Every structure is written in C-alpha cells, then in structure tokens.
Amino acid sequence: MRIKWFSLIRITGLLLVLLYHFFQTIFPGGFFGVDVFFTFSGFLITSLLLEEFGKARQIDLLGFFKRRFYRIVPPVVLMVLVTMPFTFLVRQDYVAGIGGQIAGVLGFMTNFYEMLTGGSYESQFIPHLFVHNWSLAVEVHYYILWGLAVW
C-alpha cells in the first residue's frame, strides 16, 4: 500500500525525532515523532489486514507473521553482526552484559530488557548498545497482538 501524502507524515515524524535528539532543550516534545510512527504503522498494518480480509474473506495469520518476520528479522540480525565488531574496538563499556542485550534485541524484548536492568532510553549512565531497539520491540508486540486480535 502506497499513499503519497504519508511520506510527508513520515518526514515530519523523522524530523521531530531528530530535532529532539540533537536539540532536546529546544524541542522537548520531539519524542512525539515516535507516536507518529506508531500511529502510522498501526494504520498501515490494519489497512493491509482489512484489504486481505476484503479479498479472501479471511486473514492468513501465518502468512502475515511470515511477511513481518522476513521484513524485520534479517535487518536486525545484520545490525547486530555489523555493530558488534565495532563495539569491541570502540566502546568496551557497551559490551558489559552483551549476551542479554543481544537476546533482548533478537527476541524483540529490548523494552523489557531495559526495564529489568534499570536502563532507560534517556539514561546517559547505563551503556546499552541496542537501547534504541525498544520501539521495534513495541512494534513487533503490536504485530503479534493485533494480528491475533483481527484474525
């Protein structure tokens, strides 16, 4: 599904997040961009599921999960494989507890891992290499729950 004006929403969300990260004191509400992405994703996934239901009068849940899997997992695995060697060379403090961090990111549980280890996306003191994957974990949880709900 390609809706042209959605690109404007995507760009707006991206700019909000970037401005928040680079100029947090000037743009303290820039994290709203993440909400834009979550809403956007929810709309698109729901549209895809409704479109499939409209055509086939059913939803192929296994097919839905396979498509999500092949779209998300290979880039995440690649990110881990590419990131790890550089981390060992540059920031040794980020490798503390790396097994749990990798399990969290590959299991799409980074958000829970951060909560259980006292980490926070805003924390400057606890170096977790994959902390930015919390939003992807939330997204995957949504795919699973929403896929089951509309099935």
C-alpha atoms as a PDB file:
ATOM      1  CA  MET A   1       0.000   0.000   0.000  1.00  0.00           C
ATOM      2  CA  ARG A   2       1.480   3.326  -1.056  1.00  0.00           C
ATOM      3  CA  ILE A   3      -0.236   6.548  -0.033  1.00  0.00           C
ATOM      4  CA  LYS A   4       1.766   9.508  -1.326  1.00  0.00           C
ATOM      5  CA  TRP A   5       0.936  12.044   1.364  1.00  0.00           C
ATOM      6  CA  PHE A   6       2.065   9.590   4.044  1.00  0.00           C
ATOM      7  CA  SER A   7       5.631  10.438   3.065  1.00  0.00           C
ATOM      8  CA  LEU A   8       5.031  13.917   4.457  1.00  0.00           C
ATOM      9  CA  ILE A   9       3.893  12.410   7.758  1.00  0.00           C
ATOM     10  CA  ARG A  10       6.946  10.136   7.820  1.00  0.00           C
ATOM     11  CA  ILE A  11       9.307  13.036   7.184  1.00  0.00           C
ATOM     12  CA  THR A  12       7.591  15.107   9.872  1.00  0.00           C
ATOM     13  CA  GLY A  13       7.925  12.280  12.397  1.00  0.00           C
ATOM     14  CA  LEU A  14      11.562  11.759  11.468  1.00  0.00           C
ATOM     15  CA  LEU A  15      12.369  15.459  11.812  1.00  0.00           C
ATOM     16  CA  LEU A  16      10.657  15.623  15.198  1.00  0.00           C
ATOM     17  CA  VAL A  17      12.710  12.701  16.488  1.00  0.00           C
ATOM     18  CA  LEU A  18      15.984  14.051  15.070  1.00  0.00           C
ATOM     19  CA  LEU A  19      15.388  17.549  16.408  1.00  0.00           C
ATOM     20  CA  TYR A  20      14.567  16.071  19.803  1.00  0.00           C
ATOM     21  CA  HIS A  21      17.805  14.086  19.873  1.00  0.00           C
ATOM     22  CA  PHE A  22      20.050  16.912  18.718  1.00  0.00           C
ATOM     23  CA  PHE A  23      18.324  19.867  20.395  1.00  0.00           C
ATOM     24  CA  GLN A  24      16.400  18.408  23.320  1.00  0.00           C
ATOM     25  CA  THR A  25      16.185  21.698  25.213  1.00  0.00           C
ATOM     26  CA  ILE A  26      14.744  23.482  22.172  1.00  0.00           C
ATOM     27  CA  PHE A  27      12.423  20.630  21.074  1.00  0.00           C
ATOM     28  CA  PRO A  28      11.458  18.865  24.313  1.00  0.00           C
ATOM     29  CA  GLY A  29       8.341  17.304  22.768  1.00  0.00           C
ATOM     30  CA  GLY A  30      10.097  15.874  19.734  1.00  0.00           C
ATOM     31  CA  PHE A  31       9.567  12.348  21.006  1.00  0.00           C
ATOM     32  CA  PHE A  32       6.027  12.864  19.694  1.00  0.00           C
ATOM     33  CA  GLY A  33       7.537  11.760  16.379  1.00  0.00           C
ATOM     34  CA  VAL A  34       7.693   8.209  17.755  1.00  0.00           C
ATOM     35  CA  ASP A  35       3.947   8.387  18.413  1.00  0.00           C
ATOM     36  CA  VAL A  36       3.510   9.488  14.802  1.00  0.00           C
ATOM     37  CA  PHE A  37       5.414   6.409  13.622  1.00  0.00           C
ATOM     38  CA  PHE A  38       3.453   4.054  15.885  1.00  0.00           C
ATOM     39  CA  THR A  39       0.135   5.504  14.706  1.00  0.00           C
ATOM     40  CA  PHE A  40       1.250   5.412  11.082  1.00  0.00           C
ATOM     41  CA  SER A  41       2.358   1.788  11.389  1.00  0.00           C
ATOM     42  CA  GLY A  42      -0.856   0.760  13.120  1.00  0.00           C
ATOM     43  CA  PHE A  43      -2.917   2.343  10.365  1.00  0.00           C
ATOM     44  CA  LEU A  44      -0.907   0.659   7.604  1.00  0.00           C
ATOM     45  CA  ILE A  45      -0.919  -2.792   9.214  1.00  0.00           C
ATOM     46  CA  THR A  46      -4.655  -2.576   9.887  1.00  0.00           C
ATOM     47  CA  SER A  47      -5.232  -1.462   6.288  1.00  0.00           C
ATOM     48  CA  LEU A  48      -3.232  -4.423   4.965  1.00  0.00           C
ATOM     49  CA  LEU A  49      -5.147  -6.876   7.140  1.00  0.00           C
ATOM     50  CA  LEU A  50      -8.517  -5.382   6.173  1.00  0.00           C
ATOM     51  CA  GLU A  51      -7.550  -5.432   2.498  1.00  0.00           C
ATOM     52  CA  GLU A  52      -6.614  -9.108   2.770  1.00  0.00           C
ATOM     53  CA  PHE A  53      -9.866  -9.873   4.571  1.00  0.00           C
ATOM     54  CA  GLY A  54     -11.821  -7.979   1.904  1.00  0.00           C
ATOM     55  CA  LYS A  55     -10.293 -10.080  -0.870  1.00  0.00           C
ATOM     56  CA  ALA A  56     -10.229 -13.535   0.717  1.00  0.00           C
ATOM     57  CA  ARG A  57     -12.865 -13.161   3.477  1.00  0.00           C
ATOM     58  CA  GLN A  58     -10.187 -14.404   5.858  1.00  0.00           C
ATOM     59  CA  ILE A  59      -6.758 -13.434   7.115  1.00  0.00           C
ATOM     60  CA  ASP A  60      -3.806 -15.741   6.597  1.00  0.00           C
ATOM     61  CA  LEU A  61      -2.270 -15.203  10.037  1.00  0.00           C
ATOM     62  CA  LEU A  62       0.742 -17.420   9.353  1.00  0.00           C
ATOM     63  CA  GLY A  63       1.368 -15.563   6.085  1.00  0.00           C
ATOM     64  CA  PHE A  64       1.068 -12.239   7.904  1.00  0.00           C
ATOM     65  CA  PHE A  65       3.618 -13.305  10.525  1.00  0.00           C
ATOM     66  CA  LYS A  66       5.977 -14.676   7.855  1.00  0.00           C
ATOM     67  CA  ARG A  67       5.883 -11.391   5.929  1.00  0.00           C
ATOM     68  CA  ARG A  68       6.601  -9.408   9.100  1.00  0.00           C
ATOM     69  CA  PHE A  69       9.381 -11.846  10.028  1.00  0.00           C
ATOM     70  CA  TYR A  70      11.181 -11.597   6.687  1.00  0.00           C
ATOM     71  CA  ARG A  71      10.830  -7.832   6.637  1.00  0.00           C
ATOM     72  CA  ILE A  72      12.145  -7.252  10.166  1.00  0.00           C
ATOM     73  CA  VAL A  73      14.472 -10.059  11.265  1.00  0.00           C
ATOM     74  CA  PRO A  74      17.178 -10.008   8.533  1.00  0.00           C
ATOM     75  CA  PRO A  75      17.986  -6.290   9.012  1.00  0.00           C
ATOM     76  CA  VAL A  76      18.063  -6.719  12.807  1.00  0.00           C
ATOM     77  CA  VAL A  77      20.440  -9.698  12.575  1.00  0.00           C
ATOM     78  CA  LEU A  78      22.616  -7.739  10.138  1.00  0.00           C
ATOM     79  CA  MET A  79      22.645  -4.759  12.520  1.00  0.00           C
ATOM     80  CA  VAL A  80      23.857  -6.975  15.380  1.00  0.00           C
ATOM     81  CA  LEU A  81      26.515  -8.638  13.214  1.00  0.00           C
ATOM     82  CA  VAL A  82      27.843  -5.322  11.890  1.00  0.00           C
ATOM     83  CA  THR A  83      27.662  -3.454  15.189  1.00  0.00           C
ATOM     84  CA  MET A  84      29.401  -5.970  17.426  1.00  0.00           C
ATOM     85  CA  PRO A  85      32.936  -5.858  15.949  1.00  0.00           C
ATOM     86  CA  PHE A  86      32.974  -2.056  16.060  1.00  0.00           C
ATOM     87  CA  THR A  87      31.751  -2.053  19.637  1.00  0.00           C
ATOM     88  CA  PHE A  88      34.646  -4.219  20.766  1.00  0.00           C
ATOM     89  CA  LEU A  89      37.030  -1.799  19.062  1.00  0.00           C
ATOM     90  CA  VAL A  90      35.494   1.478  20.203  1.00  0.00           C
ATOM     91  CA  ARG A  91      33.430   1.231  23.407  1.00  0.00           C
ATOM     92  CA  GLN A  92      34.306  -1.639  25.732  1.00  0.00           C
ATOM     93  CA  ASP A  93      31.794  -0.434  28.338  1.00  0.00           C
ATOM     94  CA  TYR A  94      28.951  -1.259  25.947  1.00  0.00           C
ATOM     95  CA  VAL A  95      29.855  -4.955  25.909  1.00  0.00           C
ATOM     96  CA  ALA A  96      29.044  -5.499  29.571  1.00  0.00           C
ATOM     97  CA  GLY A  97      26.063  -7.828  29.631  1.00  0.00           C
ATOM     98  CA  ILE A  98      26.153  -8.125  25.855  1.00  0.00           C
ATOM     99  CA  GLY A  99      24.554 -11.591  25.882  1.00  0.00           C
ATOM    100  CA  GLY A 100      21.400 -10.206  27.480  1.00  0.00           C
ATOM    101  CA  GLN A 101      21.420  -7.228  25.154  1.00  0.00           C
ATOM    102  CA  ILE A 102      21.669  -9.447  22.074  1.00  0.00           C
ATOM    103  CA  ALA A 103      18.970 -11.782  23.401  1.00  0.00           C
ATOM    104  CA  GLY A 104      16.763  -8.749  24.020  1.00  0.00           C
ATOM    105  CA  VAL A 105      17.204  -7.326  20.543  1.00  0.00           C
ATOM    106  CA  LEU A 106      16.894 -10.650  18.679  1.00  0.00           C
ATOM    107  CA  GLY A 107      13.923 -11.670  20.830  1.00  0.00           C
ATOM    108  CA  PHE A 108      12.309  -8.249  20.311  1.00  0.00           C
ATOM    109  CA  MET A 109      12.228  -7.704  24.052  1.00  0.00           C
ATOM    110  CA  THR A 110      14.620  -4.754  24.317  1.00  0.00           C
ATOM    111  CA  ASN A 111      11.945  -2.696  26.046  1.00  0.00           C
ATOM    112  CA  PHE A 112      11.566  -5.323  28.786  1.00  0.00           C
ATOM    113  CA  TYR A 113      15.327  -5.873  28.994  1.00  0.00           C
ATOM    114  CA  GLU A 114      15.828  -2.153  29.614  1.00  0.00           C
ATOM    115  CA  MET A 115      13.177  -2.091  32.329  1.00  0.00           C
ATOM    116  CA  LEU A 116      14.582  -5.171  34.075  1.00  0.00           C
ATOM    117  CA  THR A 117      18.187  -3.946  34.022  1.00  0.00           C
ATOM    118  CA  GLY A 118      17.436  -0.402  35.126  1.00  0.00           C
ATOM    119  CA  GLY A 119      18.227   1.032  31.732  1.00  0.00           C
ATOM    120  CA  SER A 120      16.359   3.834  30.098  1.00  0.00           C
ATOM    121  CA  TYR A 121      16.360   5.383  26.690  1.00  0.00           C
ATOM    122  CA  GLU A 122      17.048   8.710  28.361  1.00  0.00           C
ATOM    123  CA  SER A 123      19.796   7.354  30.626  1.00  0.00           C
ATOM    124  CA  GLN A 124      23.286   8.627  29.975  1.00  0.00           C
ATOM    125  CA  PHE A 125      24.867   6.395  32.594  1.00  0.00           C
ATOM    126  CA  ILE A 126      23.966   2.823  31.659  1.00  0.00           C
ATOM    127  CA  PRO A 127      25.521   1.957  28.299  1.00  0.00           C
ATOM    128  CA  HIS A 128      23.291  -0.452  26.430  1.00  0.00           C
ATOM    129  CA  LEU A 129      24.228  -0.936  22.825  1.00  0.00           C
ATOM    130  CA  PHE A 130      20.783  -1.762  21.477  1.00  0.00           C
ATOM    131  CA  VAL A 131      18.614   0.522  23.630  1.00  0.00           C
ATOM    132  CA  HIS A 132      17.247   2.230  20.514  1.00  0.00           C
ATOM    133  CA  ASN A 133      15.510  -1.023  19.558  1.00  0.00           C
ATOM    134  CA  TRP A 134      12.880  -0.564  22.269  1.00  0.00           C
ATOM    135  CA  SER A 135      10.489   0.901  19.707  1.00  0.00           C
ATOM    136  CA  LEU A 136      10.990  -2.010  17.307  1.00  0.00           C
ATOM    137  CA  ALA A 137      10.177  -4.396  20.164  1.00  0.00           C
ATOM    138  CA  VAL A 138       6.950  -2.498  20.849  1.00  0.00           C
ATOM    139  CA  GLU A 139       6.135  -2.607  17.139  1.00  0.00           C
ATOM    140  CA  VAL A 140       6.641  -6.387  16.976  1.00  0.00           C
ATOM    141  CA  HIS A 141       4.481  -6.873  20.077  1.00  0.00           C
ATOM    142  CA  TYR A 142       1.782  -4.867  18.304  1.00  0.00           C
ATOM    143  CA  TYR A 143       2.059  -7.002  15.156  1.00  0.00           C
ATOM    144  CA  ILE A 144       1.585 -10.169  17.188  1.00  0.00           C
ATOM    145  CA  LEU A 145      -1.286  -8.901  19.332  1.00  0.00           C
ATOM    146  CA  TRP A 146      -3.121  -7.075  16.553  1.00  0.00           C
ATOM    147  CA  GLY A 147      -2.655  -9.949  14.106  1.00  0.00           C
ATOM    148  CA  LEU A 148      -4.231 -12.316  16.630  1.00  0.00           C
ATOM    149  CA  ALA A 149      -6.987  -9.823  17.504  1.00  0.00           C
ATOM    150  CA  VAL A 150      -8.205  -9.330  13.937  1.00  0.00           C
ATOM    151  CA  TRP A 151      -7.752 -12.970  12.981  1.00  0.00           C
END
